[in-house]
């Protein structure tokens, strides 16, 4: 049985509370404010474990980012500032009924230039 440690609870709570899609280092720096003795290696291991279990999403960008929001959505990644925005839309494919097989997860990335950088 896997333990739900204070470190895991704190990291999960942080990721579910932010919309900024932090890097692993940003997660570490933020969690360290609450748990000053946590190591960077512990944070990286927990993030890897969460990703493997499907508890969080890893967004592949210039620097990998993490998302604790598991509701179906896509991401817009600005090619200039690398900021990531959530796009909530109606999915056209029913994840449970697909002619090719059962879809268990998906990630869609849109790339472009955000409004701020476009000015």
N, C-alpha and C. Protein backbone atom coordinates (compact mmCIF):
# COMPACT_ATOMS: atom_id res chain seq x y z
N UNK A 1 0.85 -1.18 0.00
CA UNK A 1 0.00 0.00 0.00
C UNK A 1 0.89 1.24 0.00
N UNK A 2 0.58 2.17 -0.88
CA UNK A 2 1.35 3.41 -0.96
C UNK A 2 0.87 4.39 0.09
N UNK A 3 1.83 5.05 0.72
CA UNK A 3 1.48 6.02 1.75
C UNK A 3 1.16 7.38 1.12
N UNK A 4 0.19 8.05 1.68
CA UNK A 4 -0.14 9.40 1.26
C UNK A 4 0.55 10.36 2.23
N UNK A 5 1.80 10.67 1.94
CA UNK A 5 2.63 11.46 2.85
C UNK A 5 2.26 12.93 2.82
N UNK A 6 2.76 13.66 3.79
CA UNK A 6 2.56 15.11 3.84
C UNK A 6 3.13 15.75 2.58
N UNK A 7 4.27 15.25 2.11
CA UNK A 7 4.89 15.79 0.90
C UNK A 7 3.97 15.62 -0.31
N UNK A 8 3.41 14.41 -0.46
CA UNK A 8 2.51 14.15 -1.59
C UNK A 8 1.25 15.01 -1.50
N UNK A 9 0.68 15.10 -0.31
CA UNK A 9 -0.53 15.92 -0.13
C UNK A 9 -0.26 17.38 -0.47
N UNK A 10 0.89 17.89 -0.03
CA UNK A 10 1.22 19.29 -0.26
C UNK A 10 1.44 19.56 -1.74
N UNK A 11 2.14 18.69 -2.43
CA UNK A 11 2.39 18.87 -3.87
C UNK A 11 1.08 18.77 -4.65
N UNK A 12 0.26 17.77 -4.33
CA UNK A 12 -1.03 17.61 -5.02
C UNK A 12 -1.91 18.84 -4.80
N UNK A 13 -1.99 19.31 -3.55
CA UNK A 13 -2.81 20.48 -3.23
C UNK A 13 -2.32 21.71 -4.00
N UNK A 14 -1.01 21.89 -4.05
CA UNK A 14 -0.46 23.03 -4.79
C UNK A 14 -0.82 22.95 -6.27
N UNK A 15 -0.61 21.79 -6.89
CA UNK A 15 -0.88 21.66 -8.33
C UNK A 15 -2.36 21.85 -8.65
N UNK A 16 -3.22 21.45 -7.75
CA UNK A 16 -4.65 21.61 -7.99
C UNK A 16 -5.12 23.03 -7.75
N UNK A 17 -4.30 23.83 -7.08
CA UNK A 17 -4.71 25.19 -6.73
C UNK A 17 -4.23 26.25 -7.72
N UNK A 18 -3.32 25.88 -8.63
CA UNK A 18 -2.76 26.88 -9.56
C UNK A 18 -3.17 26.59 -11.00
N UNK A 19 -3.18 27.63 -11.80
CA UNK A 19 -3.49 27.52 -13.23
C UNK A 19 -2.28 27.90 -14.09
N UNK A 20 -1.11 27.98 -13.45
CA UNK A 20 0.08 28.49 -14.13
C UNK A 20 0.93 27.41 -14.80
N UNK A 21 0.62 26.15 -14.61
CA UNK A 21 1.36 25.05 -15.21
C UNK A 21 2.85 25.16 -14.84
N UNK A 22 3.17 24.98 -13.56
CA UNK A 22 4.55 25.18 -13.10
C UNK A 22 5.51 24.09 -13.56
N UNK A 23 6.79 24.45 -13.62
CA UNK A 23 7.84 23.47 -13.87
C UNK A 23 8.09 22.71 -12.57
N UNK A 24 8.87 21.64 -12.64
CA UNK A 24 9.21 20.89 -11.44
C UNK A 24 9.97 21.78 -10.45
N UNK A 25 10.85 22.62 -10.95
CA UNK A 25 11.61 23.51 -10.07
C UNK A 25 10.68 24.51 -9.38
N UNK A 26 9.70 25.04 -10.12
CA UNK A 26 8.74 25.96 -9.53
C UNK A 26 7.90 25.27 -8.46
N UNK A 27 7.52 24.02 -8.70
CA UNK A 27 6.78 23.24 -7.69
C UNK A 27 7.64 23.12 -6.44
N UNK A 28 8.90 22.76 -6.64
CA UNK A 28 9.82 22.60 -5.51
C UNK A 28 9.94 23.90 -4.71
N UNK A 29 10.18 25.01 -5.40
CA UNK A 29 10.36 26.29 -4.70
C UNK A 29 9.11 26.71 -3.93
N UNK A 30 7.94 26.42 -4.50
CA UNK A 30 6.69 26.79 -3.83
C UNK A 30 6.40 25.88 -2.64
N UNK A 31 6.58 24.58 -2.82
CA UNK A 31 6.30 23.61 -1.76
C UNK A 31 7.29 23.79 -0.60
N UNK A 32 8.49 24.20 -0.93
CA UNK A 32 9.52 24.41 0.10
C UNK A 32 9.13 25.52 1.08
N UNK A 33 8.24 26.41 0.66
CA UNK A 33 7.77 27.47 1.58
C UNK A 33 6.97 26.85 2.73
N UNK A 34 6.28 25.77 2.45
CA UNK A 34 5.48 25.07 3.46
C UNK A 34 6.29 23.96 4.15
N UNK A 35 7.09 23.27 3.36
CA UNK A 35 7.91 22.16 3.86
C UNK A 35 9.38 22.47 3.60
N UNK A 36 10.02 23.26 4.46
CA UNK A 36 11.38 23.72 4.18
C UNK A 36 12.43 22.62 4.07
N UNK A 37 12.16 21.44 4.60
CA UNK A 37 13.15 20.35 4.56
C UNK A 37 12.98 19.42 3.37
N UNK A 38 11.99 19.68 2.50
CA UNK A 38 11.78 18.79 1.36
C UNK A 38 12.92 18.98 0.36
N UNK A 39 13.37 17.88 -0.23
CA UNK A 39 14.46 17.96 -1.20
C UNK A 39 13.89 18.06 -2.61
N UNK A 40 14.72 18.60 -3.50
CA UNK A 40 14.32 18.71 -4.89
C UNK A 40 14.10 17.32 -5.49
N UNK A 41 14.93 16.36 -5.10
CA UNK A 41 14.78 14.99 -5.58
C UNK A 41 13.46 14.37 -5.18
N UNK A 42 13.00 14.66 -3.97
CA UNK A 42 11.72 14.14 -3.50
C UNK A 42 10.58 14.71 -4.35
N UNK A 43 10.63 15.99 -4.63
CA UNK A 43 9.59 16.62 -5.45
C UNK A 43 9.59 15.99 -6.85
N UNK A 44 10.75 15.82 -7.45
CA UNK A 44 10.83 15.23 -8.79
C UNK A 44 10.29 13.79 -8.79
N UNK A 45 10.63 13.01 -7.76
CA UNK A 45 10.13 11.62 -7.68
C UNK A 45 8.62 11.59 -7.53
N UNK A 46 8.07 12.46 -6.70
CA UNK A 46 6.62 12.50 -6.49
C UNK A 46 5.92 12.91 -7.78
N UNK A 47 6.44 13.91 -8.48
CA UNK A 47 5.84 14.34 -9.75
C UNK A 47 5.87 13.19 -10.76
N UNK A 48 6.98 12.49 -10.84
CA UNK A 48 7.10 11.35 -11.76
C UNK A 48 6.08 10.27 -11.41
N UNK A 49 5.92 10.00 -10.11
CA UNK A 49 4.96 9.00 -9.64
C UNK A 49 3.53 9.43 -9.94
N UNK A 50 3.20 10.70 -9.66
CA UNK A 50 1.86 11.21 -9.96
C UNK A 50 1.55 11.07 -11.45
N UNK A 51 2.53 11.43 -12.29
CA UNK A 51 2.33 11.35 -13.75
C UNK A 51 2.08 9.91 -14.17
N UNK A 52 2.87 9.00 -13.65
CA UNK A 52 2.73 7.57 -14.01
C UNK A 52 1.37 7.02 -13.60
N UNK A 53 0.83 7.50 -12.48
CA UNK A 53 -0.47 7.03 -12.00
C UNK A 53 -1.63 7.79 -12.65
N UNK A 54 -1.34 8.85 -13.41
CA UNK A 54 -2.40 9.63 -14.04
C UNK A 54 -3.03 10.65 -13.11
N UNK A 55 -2.35 10.96 -12.01
CA UNK A 55 -2.87 11.94 -11.04
C UNK A 55 -2.63 13.38 -11.49
N UNK A 56 -1.68 13.58 -12.40
CA UNK A 56 -1.39 14.90 -12.96
C UNK A 56 -1.05 14.71 -14.43
N UNK A 57 -1.03 15.81 -15.17
CA UNK A 57 -0.59 15.78 -16.56
C UNK A 57 0.76 16.48 -16.66
N UNK A 58 1.62 15.96 -17.52
CA UNK A 58 2.86 16.62 -17.84
C UNK A 58 2.70 17.24 -19.22
N UNK A 59 2.97 18.52 -19.33
CA UNK A 59 2.84 19.23 -20.60
C UNK A 59 4.23 19.37 -21.19
N UNK A 60 4.41 18.79 -22.37
CA UNK A 60 5.71 18.84 -23.02
C UNK A 60 5.87 20.17 -23.74
N UNK A 61 6.77 20.98 -23.25
CA UNK A 61 7.03 22.30 -23.80
C UNK A 61 8.54 22.49 -23.79
N UNK A 62 9.01 23.72 -23.93
CA UNK A 62 10.44 23.99 -23.85
C UNK A 62 10.98 23.40 -22.55
N UNK A 63 10.29 23.67 -21.46
CA UNK A 63 10.55 23.04 -20.16
C UNK A 63 9.26 22.34 -19.78
N UNK A 64 9.33 21.07 -19.40
CA UNK A 64 8.12 20.34 -19.06
C UNK A 64 7.41 21.02 -17.89
N UNK A 65 6.09 21.08 -17.99
CA UNK A 65 5.24 21.71 -17.00
C UNK A 65 4.26 20.69 -16.47
N UNK A 66 3.63 21.03 -15.34
CA UNK A 66 2.70 20.09 -14.71
C UNK A 66 1.34 20.75 -14.51
N UNK A 67 0.30 19.93 -14.64
CA UNK A 67 -1.08 20.41 -14.55
C UNK A 67 -1.85 19.46 -13.64
N UNK A 68 -2.41 20.00 -12.56
CA UNK A 68 -3.19 19.18 -11.63
C UNK A 68 -4.66 19.13 -11.97
N UNK A 69 -5.07 19.85 -13.01
CA UNK A 69 -6.47 19.87 -13.43
C UNK A 69 -6.69 18.73 -14.41
N UNK A 70 -7.41 17.71 -13.99
CA UNK A 70 -7.61 16.53 -14.81
C UNK A 70 -8.89 16.57 -15.65
N UNK A 71 -9.64 17.68 -15.56
CA UNK A 71 -10.81 17.79 -16.43
C UNK A 71 -10.33 17.84 -17.89
N UNK A 72 -11.11 17.27 -18.81
CA UNK A 72 -10.67 17.27 -20.22
C UNK A 72 -10.46 18.70 -20.73
N UNK A 73 -9.27 18.96 -21.22
CA UNK A 73 -8.98 20.26 -21.84
C UNK A 73 -7.69 20.17 -22.63
N UNK A 74 -7.50 21.16 -23.49
CA UNK A 74 -6.30 21.26 -24.32
C UNK A 74 -5.46 22.41 -23.80
N UNK A 75 -4.31 22.62 -24.43
CA UNK A 75 -3.42 23.71 -24.01
C UNK A 75 -2.96 24.52 -25.21
N UNK A 76 -2.93 25.83 -25.03
CA UNK A 76 -2.35 26.76 -26.00
C UNK A 76 -1.00 27.17 -25.45
N UNK A 77 0.06 26.97 -26.23
CA UNK A 77 1.41 27.32 -25.80
C UNK A 77 1.91 28.46 -26.67
N UNK A 78 2.27 29.57 -26.03
CA UNK A 78 2.79 30.72 -26.77
C UNK A 78 4.23 30.44 -27.19
N UNK A 79 4.50 30.58 -28.47
CA UNK A 79 5.83 30.30 -29.00
C UNK A 79 6.85 31.38 -28.65
N UNK A 80 6.38 32.54 -28.17
CA UNK A 80 7.31 33.62 -27.80
C UNK A 80 7.64 33.59 -26.31
N UNK A 81 6.62 33.59 -25.45
CA UNK A 81 6.87 33.68 -24.00
C UNK A 81 6.76 32.33 -23.29
N UNK A 82 6.33 31.30 -24.00
CA UNK A 82 6.16 29.94 -23.47
C UNK A 82 5.08 29.81 -22.41
N UNK A 83 4.23 30.83 -22.25
CA UNK A 83 3.12 30.72 -21.31
C UNK A 83 2.11 29.71 -21.85
N UNK A 84 1.48 28.99 -20.93
CA UNK A 84 0.52 27.96 -21.31
C UNK A 84 -0.85 28.35 -20.80
N UNK A 85 -1.84 28.25 -21.67
CA UNK A 85 -3.22 28.60 -21.35
C UNK A 85 -4.09 27.35 -21.50
N UNK A 86 -5.06 27.20 -20.60
CA UNK A 86 -6.02 26.10 -20.70
C UNK A 86 -7.10 26.45 -21.72
N UNK A 87 -7.50 25.47 -22.52
CA UNK A 87 -8.61 25.62 -23.46
C UNK A 87 -9.63 24.53 -23.11
N UNK A 88 -10.76 24.96 -22.58
CA UNK A 88 -11.82 24.01 -22.26
C UNK A 88 -12.82 24.04 -23.41
N UNK A 89 -13.04 22.91 -24.00
CA UNK A 89 -13.93 22.82 -25.15
C UNK A 89 -14.66 21.49 -25.11
N UNK A 90 -15.67 21.36 -25.93
CA UNK A 90 -16.36 20.07 -26.04
C UNK A 90 -15.50 19.11 -26.85
N UNK A 91 -15.22 17.96 -26.28
CA UNK A 91 -14.44 16.97 -27.02
C UNK A 91 -15.34 16.30 -28.04
N UNK A 92 -14.87 16.19 -29.28
CA UNK A 92 -15.67 15.60 -30.34
C UNK A 92 -15.62 14.07 -30.30
N UNK A 93 -14.61 13.52 -29.65
CA UNK A 93 -14.50 12.06 -29.56
C UNK A 93 -14.92 11.63 -28.16
N UNK A 94 -15.86 10.73 -28.08
CA UNK A 94 -16.25 10.17 -26.80
C UNK A 94 -15.12 9.25 -26.35
N UNK A 95 -14.52 9.55 -25.21
CA UNK A 95 -13.35 8.79 -24.76
C UNK A 95 -13.65 7.33 -24.50
N UNK A 96 -14.90 6.97 -24.33
CA UNK A 96 -15.23 5.59 -24.02
C UNK A 96 -15.72 4.82 -25.24
N UNK A 97 -16.03 5.52 -26.33
CA UNK A 97 -16.51 4.85 -27.52
C UNK A 97 -15.77 5.41 -28.74
N UNK A 98 -14.83 4.66 -29.22
CA UNK A 98 -14.06 5.05 -30.38
C UNK A 98 -13.90 3.80 -31.23
N UNK A 99 -14.02 3.92 -32.54
CA UNK A 99 -13.97 2.73 -33.40
C UNK A 99 -12.62 2.03 -33.38
N UNK A 100 -11.57 2.72 -32.90
CA UNK A 100 -10.23 2.11 -32.87
C UNK A 100 -9.94 1.39 -31.57
N UNK A 101 -10.67 1.73 -30.52
CA UNK A 101 -10.43 1.15 -29.20
C UNK A 101 -10.87 2.13 -28.13
N UNK A 102 -10.61 1.79 -26.88
CA UNK A 102 -11.00 2.64 -25.75
C UNK A 102 -9.91 3.67 -25.49
N UNK A 103 -10.26 4.94 -25.55
CA UNK A 103 -9.32 6.02 -25.27
C UNK A 103 -9.30 6.25 -23.76
N UNK A 104 -8.13 6.23 -23.17
CA UNK A 104 -8.02 6.46 -21.73
C UNK A 104 -7.53 7.85 -21.39
N UNK A 105 -6.80 8.48 -22.31
CA UNK A 105 -6.36 9.86 -22.08
C UNK A 105 -5.92 10.47 -23.40
N UNK A 106 -5.82 11.79 -23.41
CA UNK A 106 -5.33 12.49 -24.60
C UNK A 106 -4.79 13.85 -24.18
N UNK A 107 -3.90 14.38 -25.00
CA UNK A 107 -3.39 15.72 -24.79
C UNK A 107 -3.28 16.39 -26.15
N UNK A 108 -3.84 17.60 -26.25
CA UNK A 108 -3.78 18.37 -27.48
C UNK A 108 -3.11 19.69 -27.17
N UNK A 109 -2.11 20.03 -28.00
CA UNK A 109 -1.40 21.29 -27.84
C UNK A 109 -1.62 22.15 -29.07
N UNK A 110 -1.95 23.42 -28.83
CA UNK A 110 -2.03 24.40 -29.90
C UNK A 110 -0.87 25.36 -29.69
N UNK A 111 -0.14 25.65 -30.73
CA UNK A 111 0.98 26.58 -30.65
C UNK A 111 0.65 27.84 -31.43
N UNK A 112 1.13 28.96 -30.93
CA UNK A 112 0.91 30.24 -31.60
C UNK A 112 1.53 31.35 -30.77
N UNK A 113 1.04 32.55 -30.96
CA UNK A 113 1.53 33.71 -30.21
C UNK A 113 0.36 34.27 -29.41
N UNK A 114 0.54 34.41 -28.10
CA UNK A 114 -0.54 34.91 -27.24
C UNK A 114 -0.82 36.38 -27.53
N UNK A 115 -1.97 36.84 -27.08
CA UNK A 115 -2.38 38.23 -27.34
C UNK A 115 -1.37 39.24 -26.79
N UNK A 116 -0.82 38.97 -25.61
CA UNK A 116 0.15 39.89 -25.02
C UNK A 116 1.39 40.02 -25.89
N UNK A 117 1.91 38.91 -26.35
CA UNK A 117 3.13 38.93 -27.19
C UNK A 117 2.85 39.44 -28.59
N UNK A 118 1.62 39.33 -29.03
CA UNK A 118 1.25 39.73 -30.38
C UNK A 118 1.13 41.24 -30.53
N UNK A 119 1.12 41.96 -29.40
CA UNK A 119 0.99 43.43 -29.47
C UNK A 119 2.30 44.08 -29.83
